[in-house]
Amino acid sequence: MWRRVSHPDDDRVTEIITGLYLSPPEIAVSLGAAALVAARWLPPAARPRVTIAAGAVLVLSTIVLGAVGIRWQLLPVLAGAAVASPFAFIPLLRRRTGRPPWRARWWLALPGSVACAGLIATGPVAAWAFPVPVFPEPSGRFAVGTRVVQWTDVRRPESFTADPRDRRTVVVQLWYPARPSPAGARRARYLGRTEHEARTVSDALAHEVGLPGFLVDGVPRAHSHAVVDAPVAGGGGRFPVVLFSPGSGGVRTQNTAWAEELASHGYVVAALDHPYDSAAVVLTDGRTIRSRTTSTGDRDEDEKLAVGWTAVRAADLCFVLTQLERLDAGVITGPLTGRLDTGRVAATGHSLGGAAALRAARQDGRFDAVIDLDGYPHGPASPSLHRPVLALTQAITPGTDPRYLPRLTEALRNNTATSYRLTVPGATHLTFMDGPLYLPPVPSIVGSLGRTESPHVVAATTLAFLDTTLRHGPGDLAGALSAYGDLRVHRPAGGR
């Protein structure tokens, strides 16, 4: 399968074969290098032609990559070609100058050829393990637009700083149903509005998990399907709103595949960066705010800290909902004025963001439903929830985390509305975000569902829940959810 990724800041266009996660120039470099090594073992009559052709392909494709940017995954390929080149071309040059040809004996050449082939093979394997992410095509009837806004809550001091004049500021990315855009329209860059922002955020995320930034250098190169500032879809209808809080250290774009899928089905998704909590937040004035939330290593102490961080995030969600109401009413100007159905709102989040969504819905009656993507419910379990909840989790046992399931079960049972807990087989914590699209497909890291199925499962289950709770759509919600895993339905006391 081929996928075109266009770069809006210049005229470059890269075709990517999604199965290999390599562009044609990268494939050409790899094939040219492999042919250069293989030429040594061909019949004498074929060696010169294959060597010259391989060298030409290698040089031309390397020049192209030099212009568009060489990824680190191709460096072993180029190293293998560099080692093989003298042994491939020196015999040809000696023959052209009339000197006797010289070739290493096979038992000397074989180990070198194997070593070069190993280096060359490392490149495609590394590109497959750490690819430029390719986002799934949204399946809904709407095209998707996106825009980023920054809002300051003038009534709330910034609790992470000592400056009494500092007020809480959040950065919000909106994905919304849009009109179809012409070919070549500027697609949103993943992780940031600009290349600089995307690389800043990518490096910060890598640092959060202890990885060298270069390993995931393909991530800030990626573009999603949404078109920046695309016109809102016609028809004049209003769209239900879904607010999203990322995981601890996470960023607003970490669930882009999910957000685009929801927007294509007629929802407006508003995802937040939480300054001093998200790995890196780039403000409109150019400042970058780094995370200050760090673990102490003590479970009880970390729980106390998480309760405070969850409270800040919940307040952020409530503030953004207020801003969206003002945007819909025209108090804040924007293309979505009059198009937001703020009477149908869901609070959602991943990990710590899921806890924040639960807490926001518990303290703010404007939220009509909650989706918790594998988030431990930090904070008080009272007052009771009065909204339907969908909790998606990985397989958890008392041996892996003795607190998680009892705490989550308590939160769902202490609810006056029907709630659902779906355990997704083969999932890990990172399954519920974009991680499977660009991290090595190792089951212990991203689960065993695969790069295609992981975003599909998360989107399909949450869409079924949202269509039922916000749109009151017909159908058997429990049956739809149970198709994806082990479902537990928590009905209110006295319910059937």
Protein backbone atom coordinates (compact mmCIF):
# COMPACT_ATOMS: atom_id res chain seq x y z
CA MET A 1 0.00 0.00 0.00
CA TRP A 2 1.23 3.46 -0.93
CA ARG A 3 0.56 6.60 1.04
CA ARG A 4 1.42 10.15 -0.02
CA VAL A 5 2.68 12.50 2.67
CA SER A 6 2.92 16.12 1.57
CA HIS A 7 5.05 18.72 3.32
CA PRO A 8 3.25 22.09 3.42
CA ASP A 9 6.38 24.13 4.03
CA ASP A 10 7.96 23.28 0.68
CA ASP A 11 7.30 21.44 -2.58
CA ARG A 12 8.58 18.06 -1.44
CA VAL A 13 6.30 15.08 -1.75
CA THR A 14 7.22 11.70 -0.32
CA GLU A 15 5.53 8.44 -1.24
CA ILE A 16 5.60 5.90 1.56
CA ILE A 17 4.94 2.18 1.27
CA THR A 18 3.09 1.66 4.53
CA GLY A 19 4.06 -1.98 4.92
CA LEU A 20 7.77 -1.12 4.90
CA TYR A 21 7.50 2.51 6.04
CA LEU A 22 10.07 3.51 3.42
CA SER A 23 9.87 6.16 0.71
CA PRO A 24 10.89 5.33 -2.89
CA PRO A 25 14.29 7.09 -2.54
CA GLU A 26 14.92 5.10 0.63
CA ILE A 27 13.94 1.88 -1.11
CA ALA A 28 16.21 2.80 -4.04
CA VAL A 29 19.16 3.39 -1.67
CA SER A 30 18.55 0.04 0.00
CA LEU A 31 18.23 -1.85 -3.29
CA GLY A 32 21.24 -0.11 -4.81
CA ALA A 33 23.37 -0.96 -1.79
CA ALA A 34 22.19 -4.58 -1.82
CA ALA A 35 22.91 -4.89 -5.54
CA LEU A 36 26.39 -3.48 -5.00
CA VAL A 37 27.14 -6.23 -2.50
CA ALA A 38 25.50 -8.95 -4.61
CA ALA A 39 27.44 -7.98 -7.75
CA ARG A 40 30.58 -9.64 -6.34
CA TRP A 41 28.87 -13.01 -6.58
CA LEU A 42 27.44 -12.68 -10.09
CA PRO A 43 28.95 -14.23 -13.26
CA PRO A 44 31.91 -12.17 -14.56
CA ALA A 45 29.99 -10.88 -17.60
CA ALA A 46 27.20 -9.42 -15.46
CA ARG A 47 29.32 -7.84 -12.75
CA PRO A 48 30.27 -4.57 -14.50
CA ARG A 49 26.74 -3.73 -15.65
CA VAL A 50 25.16 -4.50 -12.27
CA THR A 51 27.88 -2.61 -10.37
CA ILE A 52 27.56 0.52 -12.53
CA ALA A 53 23.74 0.46 -12.40
CA ALA A 54 23.71 -0.09 -8.64
CA GLY A 55 26.22 2.70 -8.12
CA ALA A 56 24.19 5.11 -10.25
CA VAL A 57 20.96 4.31 -8.38
CA LEU A 58 22.75 4.63 -5.06
CA VAL A 59 24.30 8.02 -5.86
CA LEU A 60 21.14 9.55 -7.34
CA SER A 61 18.83 8.37 -4.56
CA THR A 62 21.33 9.53 -1.91
CA ILE A 63 21.34 12.99 -3.51
CA VAL A 64 17.54 13.07 -3.35
CA LEU A 65 17.56 12.02 0.30
CA GLY A 66 20.20 14.63 1.04
CA ALA A 67 17.79 17.25 -0.27
CA VAL A 68 14.69 16.06 1.63
CA GLY A 69 16.46 14.81 4.77
CA ILE A 70 18.10 11.49 5.56
CA ARG A 71 16.59 9.55 8.43
CA TRP A 72 18.90 7.78 10.86
CA GLN A 73 17.45 4.44 9.78
CA LEU A 74 19.25 4.80 6.44
CA LEU A 75 22.70 5.35 7.95
CA PRO A 76 23.46 1.60 8.30
CA VAL A 77 22.47 1.16 4.64
CA LEU A 78 24.84 3.90 3.55
CA ALA A 79 27.57 2.47 5.79
CA GLY A 80 27.18 -0.94 4.20
CA ALA A 81 27.32 0.59 0.73
CA ALA A 82 30.41 2.62 1.66
CA VAL A 83 32.25 -0.50 2.86
CA ALA A 84 31.25 -2.48 -0.23
CA SER A 85 32.00 0.24 -2.79
CA PRO A 86 35.82 -0.08 -2.94
CA PHE A 87 35.60 -3.84 -3.44
CA ALA A 88 32.97 -3.36 -6.15
CA PHE A 89 34.55 -0.53 -8.13
CA ILE A 90 38.32 -1.07 -7.80
CA PRO A 91 38.26 -4.17 -10.07
CA LEU A 92 36.39 -2.13 -12.70
CA LEU A 93 38.85 0.76 -12.50
CA ARG A 94 41.83 -1.57 -12.77
CA ARG A 95 40.32 -3.17 -15.84
CA ARG A 96 39.71 0.24 -17.45
CA THR A 97 43.33 1.25 -16.90
CA GLY A 98 44.67 -2.02 -18.32
CA ARG A 99 46.01 -3.35 -15.04
CA PRO A 100 45.31 -6.93 -14.03
CA PRO A 101 41.99 -7.22 -12.20
CA TRP A 102 42.16 -7.98 -8.53
CA ARG A 103 39.43 -9.64 -6.49
CA ALA A 104 39.54 -11.01 -2.99
CA ARG A 105 39.19 -14.75 -2.72
CA TRP A 106 35.71 -15.95 -1.94
CA TRP A 107 36.52 -17.12 1.56
CA LEU A 108 37.79 -13.60 2.35
CA ALA A 109 34.94 -11.81 0.54
CA LEU A 110 32.13 -13.87 2.06
CA PRO A 111 32.37 -12.52 5.65
CA GLY A 112 32.61 -8.96 4.35
CA SER A 113 29.59 -9.44 2.09
CA VAL A 114 27.58 -10.91 4.93
CA ALA A 115 28.53 -8.00 7.21
CA CYS A 116 27.57 -5.44 4.57
CA ALA A 117 24.29 -7.24 3.87
CA GLY A 118 23.57 -7.21 7.60
CA LEU A 119 24.13 -3.46 7.78
CA ILE A 120 21.92 -2.88 4.75
CA ALA A 121 19.14 -5.07 6.17
CA THR A 122 19.26 -3.11 9.43
CA GLY A 123 17.94 -0.01 7.67
CA PRO A 124 14.52 -1.36 6.58
CA VAL A 125 14.12 -3.16 9.91
CA ALA A 126 14.80 0.08 11.80
CA ALA A 127 12.40 1.99 9.53
CA TRP A 128 9.72 -0.61 10.26
CA ALA A 129 10.37 -0.45 14.02
CA PHE A 130 10.54 3.38 14.23
CA PRO A 131 8.54 4.65 11.24
CA VAL A 132 7.12 7.94 10.14
CA PRO A 133 3.58 7.26 11.42
CA VAL A 134 0.88 6.80 8.81
CA PHE A 135 -2.53 7.72 10.16
CA PRO A 136 -5.58 5.63 9.24
CA GLU A 137 -8.01 7.20 6.82
CA PRO A 138 -11.04 8.51 8.73
CA SER A 139 -14.07 6.41 7.87
CA GLY A 140 -16.87 8.93 8.42
CA ARG A 141 -18.72 10.98 5.82
CA PHE A 142 -17.09 14.28 6.80
CA ALA A 143 -13.69 15.60 5.88
CA VAL A 144 -11.73 16.80 8.92
CA GLY A 145 -10.43 20.25 9.75
CA THR A 146 -8.27 21.35 12.65
CA ARG A 147 -7.15 24.52 14.37
CA VAL A 148 -5.26 25.41 17.53
CA VAL A 149 -6.37 28.04 20.06
CA GLN A 150 -4.90 29.33 23.30
CA TRP A 151 -7.09 30.48 26.17
CA THR A 152 -6.25 32.03 29.55
CA ASP A 153 -8.46 31.70 32.60
CA VAL A 154 -8.09 35.15 34.14
CA ARG A 155 -9.87 34.03 37.33
CA ARG A 156 -7.55 31.12 38.09
CA PRO A 157 -3.95 31.58 39.29
CA GLU A 158 -1.29 29.29 37.86
CA SER A 159 -0.63 26.83 40.68
CA PHE A 160 2.68 25.61 39.25
CA THR A 161 4.41 29.00 39.55
CA ALA A 162 5.01 31.44 42.39
CA ASP A 163 4.08 34.54 40.39
CA PRO A 164 0.75 35.83 41.77
CA ARG A 165 0.04 37.56 38.45
CA ASP A 166 0.40 34.36 36.45
CA ARG A 167 -2.93 32.97 35.23
CA ARG A 168 -3.71 29.47 34.01
CA THR A 169 -3.31 29.15 30.23
CA VAL A 170 -4.20 26.11 28.13
CA VAL A 171 -3.55 25.26 24.49
CA VAL A 172 -6.42 23.46 22.77
CA GLN A 173 -6.54 21.71 19.42
CA LEU A 174 -9.92 21.34 17.75
CA TRP A 175 -10.77 18.67 15.19
CA TYR A 176 -14.12 19.22 13.50
CA PRO A 177 -16.28 18.11 10.55
CA ALA A 178 -15.17 20.08 7.50
CA ARG A 179 -15.91 20.56 3.85
CA PRO A 180 -13.73 18.58 1.42
CA SER A 181 -10.50 20.41 0.64
CA PRO A 182 -8.73 20.56 -2.72
CA ALA A 183 -5.76 18.36 -3.42
CA GLY A 184 -2.59 19.85 -2.00
CA ALA A 185 -4.36 21.56 0.91
CA ARG A 186 -2.13 22.03 3.95
CA ARG A 187 -2.45 18.98 6.16
CA ALA A 188 -1.80 19.31 9.86
CA ARG A 189 1.67 18.40 11.02
CA TYR A 190 1.63 15.84 13.80
CA LEU A 191 2.72 17.10 17.25
CA GLY A 192 2.80 20.79 16.39
CA ARG A 193 1.77 23.73 14.25
CA THR A 194 5.31 24.12 12.91
CA GLU A 195 8.27 21.83 12.36
CA HIS A 196 10.04 23.49 15.29
CA GLU A 197 7.12 22.86 17.64
CA ALA A 198 6.76 19.26 16.45
CA ARG A 199 10.45 18.54 17.06
CA THR A 200 10.38 20.26 20.45
CA VAL A 201 7.42 18.16 21.54
CA SER A 202 8.86 14.95 20.06
CA ASP A 203 12.15 15.42 21.89
CA ALA A 204 10.31 16.13 25.14
CA LEU A 205 8.14 13.03 24.78
CA ALA A 206 11.19 10.88 24.09
CA HIS A 207 12.89 12.33 27.17
CA GLU A 208 9.80 11.53 29.27
CA VAL A 209 10.22 7.80 28.56
CA GLY A 210 14.02 7.80 28.57
CA LEU A 211 14.56 7.39 24.82
CA PRO A 212 17.10 9.28 22.71
CA GLY A 213 15.22 11.78 20.59
CA PHE A 214 16.73 10.57 17.31
CA LEU A 215 14.99 7.19 17.64
CA VAL A 216 11.59 8.77 17.00
CA ASP A 217 12.74 11.46 14.58
CA GLY A 218 10.15 10.22 12.08
CA VAL A 219 7.28 11.30 14.33
CA PRO A 220 7.60 15.09 13.85
CA ARG A 221 7.88 14.50 10.08
CA ALA A 222 4.36 13.04 9.99
CA HIS A 223 1.22 14.77 8.78
CA SER A 224 -2.31 13.69 9.61
CA HIS A 225 -5.44 13.84 7.43
CA ALA A 226 -6.94 17.00 8.93
CA VAL A 227 -6.64 20.22 6.93
CA VAL A 228 -5.54 23.28 8.89
CA ASP A 229 -8.37 25.84 9.21
CA ALA A 230 -10.56 24.02 6.69
CA PRO A 231 -14.08 25.47 6.28
CA VAL A 232 -16.61 23.89 8.63
CA ALA A 233 -18.96 21.36 7.04
CA GLY A 234 -22.09 22.84 5.55
CA GLY A 235 -25.68 22.12 6.53
CA GLY A 236 -25.93 24.36 9.57
CA GLY A 237 -26.28 21.53 12.09
CA ARG A 238 -24.62 21.50 15.48
CA PHE A 239 -22.02 18.93 16.45
CA PRO A 240 -21.69 17.20 19.83
CA VAL A 241 -18.49 18.07 21.69
CA VAL A 242 -15.85 15.70 23.07
CA LEU A 243 -13.17 17.12 25.38
CA PHE A 244 -9.94 15.16 25.77
CA SER A 245 -7.19 15.21 28.40
CA PRO A 246 -3.96 13.33 27.56
CA GLY A 247 -1.97 11.04 29.85
CA SER A 248 0.63 12.16 32.35
CA GLY A 249 3.31 13.94 30.35
CA GLY A 250 1.15 13.49 27.26
CA VAL A 251 0.24 16.16 24.74
CA ARG A 252 -2.90 17.31 22.98
CA THR A 253 -2.07 15.45 19.75
CA GLN A 254 -1.34 12.05 21.32
CA ASN A 255 -4.73 10.67 20.16
CA THR A 256 -4.87 12.30 16.74
CA ALA A 257 -6.02 9.14 14.92
CA TRP A 258 -8.93 8.82 17.34
CA ALA A 259 -9.80 12.52 17.17
CA GLU A 260 -9.86 12.55 13.37
CA GLU A 261 -12.08 9.47 13.28
CA LEU A 262 -14.58 11.05 15.67
CA ALA A 263 -14.58 14.32 13.74
CA SER A 264 -15.27 12.47 10.49
CA HIS A 265 -18.41 11.09 12.16
CA GLY A 266 -19.73 14.50 13.15
CA TYR A 267 -18.14 15.29 16.52
CA VAL A 268 -15.97 18.24 17.53
CA VAL A 269 -12.99 17.06 19.56
CA ALA A 270 -11.17 19.54 21.80
CA ALA A 271 -7.88 18.14 23.12
CA LEU A 272 -5.87 19.99 25.75
CA ASP A 273 -2.24 20.64 26.51
CA HIS A 274 -1.87 21.04 30.27
CA PRO A 275 1.11 23.38 30.91
CA TYR A 276 3.65 22.12 33.47
CA ASP A 277 2.09 18.66 33.12
CA SER A 278 2.30 17.93 29.39
CA ALA A 279 5.84 17.08 28.27
CA ALA A 280 6.20 20.37 26.38
CA VAL A 281 3.68 23.09 25.61
CA VAL A 282 4.62 25.73 23.03
CA LEU A 283 2.68 28.95 23.58
CA THR A 284 1.77 31.45 20.89
CA ASP A 285 4.46 33.85 22.12
CA GLY A 286 7.12 31.20 21.46
CA ARG A 287 7.73 30.16 25.07
CA THR A 288 8.02 26.44 25.77
CA ILE A 289 6.72 25.19 29.11
CA ARG A 290 8.20 21.87 30.24
CA SER A 291 6.64 19.32 32.55
CA ARG A 292 7.15 19.71 36.30
CA THR A 293 5.17 16.66 37.36
CA THR A 294 7.60 13.94 38.36
CA SER A 295 7.19 10.72 40.29
CA THR A 296 8.76 10.35 43.72
CA GLY A 297 8.91 6.57 43.55
CA ASP A 298 6.70 6.25 46.63
CA ARG A 299 3.25 4.91 45.70
CA ASP A 300 1.34 6.70 48.44
CA GLU A 301 3.13 10.01 47.92
CA ASP A 302 2.64 9.79 44.16
CA GLU A 303 -1.06 9.17 44.70
CA LYS A 304 -1.33 12.40 46.72
CA LEU A 305 0.45 14.32 43.97
CA ALA A 306 -1.73 12.74 41.28
CA VAL A 307 -4.86 13.82 43.12
CA GLY A 308 -3.68 17.44 42.93
CA TRP A 309 -2.66 17.19 39.28
CA THR A 310 -6.02 15.58 38.45
CA ALA A 311 -7.83 18.50 40.09
CA VAL A 312 -5.93 20.99 37.93
CA ARG A 313 -6.71 19.02 34.78
CA ALA A 314 -10.40 18.74 35.70
CA ALA A 315 -10.54 22.51 36.17
CA ASP A 316 -8.88 22.90 32.76
CA LEU A 317 -11.60 20.73 31.17
CA CYS A 318 -14.37 22.74 32.80
CA PHE A 319 -12.76 26.02 31.72
CA VAL A 320 -12.40 24.86 28.11
CA LEU A 321 -16.05 23.82 28.04
CA THR A 322 -16.95 27.33 29.18
CA GLN A 323 -14.82 28.77 26.40
CA LEU A 324 -16.48 26.50 23.85
CA GLU A 325 -19.86 27.73 25.02
CA ARG A 326 -18.67 31.30 24.52
CA LEU A 327 -17.30 30.36 21.10
CA ASP A 328 -20.62 28.87 20.07
CA ALA A 329 -22.46 31.94 21.31
CA GLY A 330 -20.17 34.28 19.36
CA VAL A 331 -18.58 35.87 22.42
CA ILE A 332 -15.34 34.41 21.09
CA THR A 333 -15.10 34.73 17.34
CA GLY A 334 -14.33 31.69 15.24
CA PRO A 335 -15.60 29.51 12.40
CA LEU A 336 -17.35 27.14 14.81
CA THR A 337 -19.67 29.83 16.19
CA GLY A 338 -23.22 28.50 16.12
CA ARG A 339 -22.05 24.97 15.25
CA LEU A 340 -21.22 23.49 18.67
CA ASP A 341 -23.87 21.52 20.51
CA THR A 342 -22.66 22.26 24.04
CA GLY A 343 -25.76 20.56 25.39
CA ARG A 344 -24.25 17.22 24.37
CA VAL A 345 -20.73 16.97 25.78
CA ALA A 346 -18.45 14.11 26.77
CA ALA A 347 -15.35 14.34 28.97
CA THR A 348 -12.67 11.90 27.88
CA GLY A 349 -9.04 11.21 28.70
CA HIS A 350 -6.20 8.73 28.63
CA SER A 351 -4.45 7.56 31.80
CA LEU A 352 -4.27 10.55 34.19
CA GLY A 353 -6.52 12.34 31.70
CA GLY A 354 -9.15 9.64 32.22
CA ALA A 355 -9.08 10.36 35.94
CA ALA A 356 -9.46 14.06 35.15
CA ALA A 357 -12.46 13.33 32.93
CA LEU A 358 -14.15 11.38 35.73
CA ARG A 359 -13.49 14.17 38.19
CA ALA A 360 -14.66 16.91 35.84
CA ALA A 361 -17.95 15.08 35.22
CA ARG A 362 -18.39 14.52 38.95
CA GLN A 363 -18.14 18.25 39.71
CA ASP A 364 -19.66 19.79 36.57
CA GLY A 365 -23.15 18.79 35.47
CA ARG A 366 -22.59 20.08 31.92
CA PHE A 367 -20.81 16.86 30.98
CA ASP A 368 -23.23 14.21 29.72
CA ALA A 369 -20.89 11.21 29.41
CA VAL A 370 -17.37 10.10 30.31
CA ILE A 371 -14.78 7.95 28.53
CA ASP A 372 -11.80 6.77 30.56
CA LEU A 373 -9.03 5.26 28.45
CA ASP A 374 -7.10 3.06 30.88
CA GLY A 375 -6.98 5.70 33.61
CA TYR A 376 -6.74 4.99 37.34
CA PRO A 377 -9.44 7.06 39.12
CA HIS A 378 -7.41 9.40 41.31
CA GLY A 379 -9.22 11.62 43.76
CA PRO A 380 -12.47 11.33 45.71
CA ALA A 381 -15.14 8.82 44.75
CA SER A 382 -17.89 11.21 45.81
CA PRO A 383 -20.21 12.78 45.04
CA SER A 384 -21.77 10.07 42.92
CA LEU A 385 -21.44 10.19 39.19
CA HIS A 386 -24.70 10.81 37.38
CA ARG A 387 -23.45 10.21 33.86
CA PRO A 388 -22.81 7.04 31.80
CA VAL A 389 -19.16 6.01 31.76
CA LEU A 390 -17.15 3.84 29.40
CA ALA A 391 -13.84 2.60 30.80
CA LEU A 392 -11.50 0.87 28.36
CA THR A 393 -8.68 -1.03 30.04
CA GLN A 394 -5.90 -3.44 29.32
CA ALA A 395 -6.01 -6.81 31.05
CA ILE A 396 -5.28 -6.08 34.71
CA THR A 397 -4.89 -8.60 37.51
CA PRO A 398 -4.35 -8.18 41.26
CA GLY A 399 -0.81 -9.35 40.59
CA THR A 400 -0.02 -6.54 38.14
CA ASP A 401 -1.85 -3.79 40.05
CA PRO A 402 -3.84 -4.69 43.18
CA ARG A 403 -5.39 -1.21 43.50
CA TYR A 404 -6.55 -0.48 39.97
CA LEU A 405 -9.59 -2.73 39.47
CA PRO A 406 -11.08 -2.25 42.96
CA ARG A 407 -10.74 1.52 42.62
CA LEU A 408 -12.20 1.60 39.11
CA THR A 409 -15.03 -0.74 40.09
CA GLU A 410 -15.86 1.51 43.05
CA ALA A 411 -16.00 4.54 40.77
CA LEU A 412 -18.32 2.79 38.29
CA ARG A 413 -20.60 1.30 40.93
CA ASN A 414 -20.96 4.66 42.68
CA ASN A 415 -22.94 5.93 39.71
CA THR A 416 -26.61 6.57 39.13
CA ALA A 417 -26.22 5.85 35.38
CA THR A 418 -25.26 2.62 33.63
CA SER A 419 -21.52 2.29 33.12
CA TYR A 420 -19.33 -0.09 31.13
CA ARG A 421 -15.86 -1.51 31.65
CA LEU A 422 -14.37 -3.14 28.57
CA THR A 423 -11.16 -5.12 28.92
CA VAL A 424 -9.51 -5.22 25.49
CA PRO A 425 -7.49 -8.42 24.90
CA GLY A 426 -3.98 -7.80 23.62
CA ALA A 427 -3.98 -4.18 24.75
CA THR A 428 -1.38 -2.34 26.81
CA HIS A 429 -1.51 1.16 28.24
CA LEU A 430 -0.15 2.66 25.00
CA THR A 431 -2.72 0.86 22.84
CA PHE A 432 -5.21 3.58 23.70
CA MET A 433 -3.20 6.39 22.06
CA ASP A 434 -1.21 6.85 18.82
CA GLY A 435 1.82 4.93 20.15
CA PRO A 436 1.22 1.78 18.06
CA LEU A 437 1.55 3.89 14.90
CA TYR A 438 5.18 4.82 15.50
CA LEU A 439 6.67 2.66 18.27
CA PRO A 440 8.21 -0.81 17.72
CA PRO A 441 5.41 -3.38 17.44
CA VAL A 442 6.50 -5.20 20.58
CA PRO A 443 3.48 -6.64 22.44
CA SER A 444 4.79 -5.63 25.86
CA ILE A 445 5.06 -2.01 24.68
CA VAL A 446 2.08 -1.34 22.41
CA GLY A 447 0.08 -4.55 22.66
CA SER A 448 -0.56 -7.25 20.11
CA LEU A 449 -3.44 -5.70 18.15
CA GLY A 450 -1.17 -4.19 15.54
CA ARG A 451 -0.81 -0.76 13.98
CA THR A 452 -4.10 -0.97 12.09
CA GLU A 453 -6.32 -2.69 14.62
CA SER A 454 -5.29 -0.67 17.71
CA PRO A 455 -6.75 2.68 16.55
CA HIS A 456 -9.74 0.87 15.04
CA VAL A 457 -10.73 -0.79 18.33
CA VAL A 458 -10.43 2.44 20.34
CA ALA A 459 -12.40 4.45 17.79
CA ALA A 460 -15.11 1.85 17.18
CA THR A 461 -15.88 1.30 20.87
CA THR A 462 -15.88 4.97 21.81
CA LEU A 463 -17.99 5.91 18.79
CA ALA A 464 -20.58 3.28 19.71
CA PHE A 465 -20.72 4.70 23.24
CA LEU A 466 -20.90 8.34 22.11
CA ASP A 467 -23.56 7.65 19.48
CA THR A 468 -25.69 5.99 22.16
CA THR A 469 -25.19 8.45 25.00
CA LEU A 470 -24.96 11.78 23.16
CA ARG A 471 -27.06 11.06 20.08
CA HIS A 472 -29.37 8.46 21.63
CA GLY A 473 -28.82 6.24 18.61
CA PRO A 474 -30.60 2.92 18.36
CA GLY A 475 -28.87 -0.39 18.81
CA ASP A 476 -27.47 -2.75 21.41
CA LEU A 477 -24.54 -0.88 23.01
CA ALA A 478 -23.55 -3.79 25.23
CA GLY A 479 -23.54 -6.13 22.26
CA ALA A 480 -21.47 -3.73 20.18
CA LEU A 481 -18.90 -3.28 22.94
CA SER A 482 -18.66 -6.96 23.86
CA ALA A 483 -17.49 -7.75 20.33
CA TYR A 484 -14.16 -6.14 21.25
CA GLY A 485 -13.41 -7.72 24.61
CA ASP A 486 -14.62 -8.71 28.05
CA LEU A 487 -17.49 -6.40 29.00
CA ARG A 488 -18.72 -5.68 32.53
CA VAL A 489 -21.91 -3.64 32.81
CA HIS A 490 -22.46 -1.70 36.03
CA ARG A 491 -26.09 -0.71 36.38
CA PRO A 492 -27.37 1.63 39.09
CA ALA A 493 -28.96 0.13 42.18
CA GLY A 494 -32.40 -1.14 41.32
CA GLY A 495 -31.59 -1.25 37.59
CA ARG A 496 -32.12 -4.39 35.51
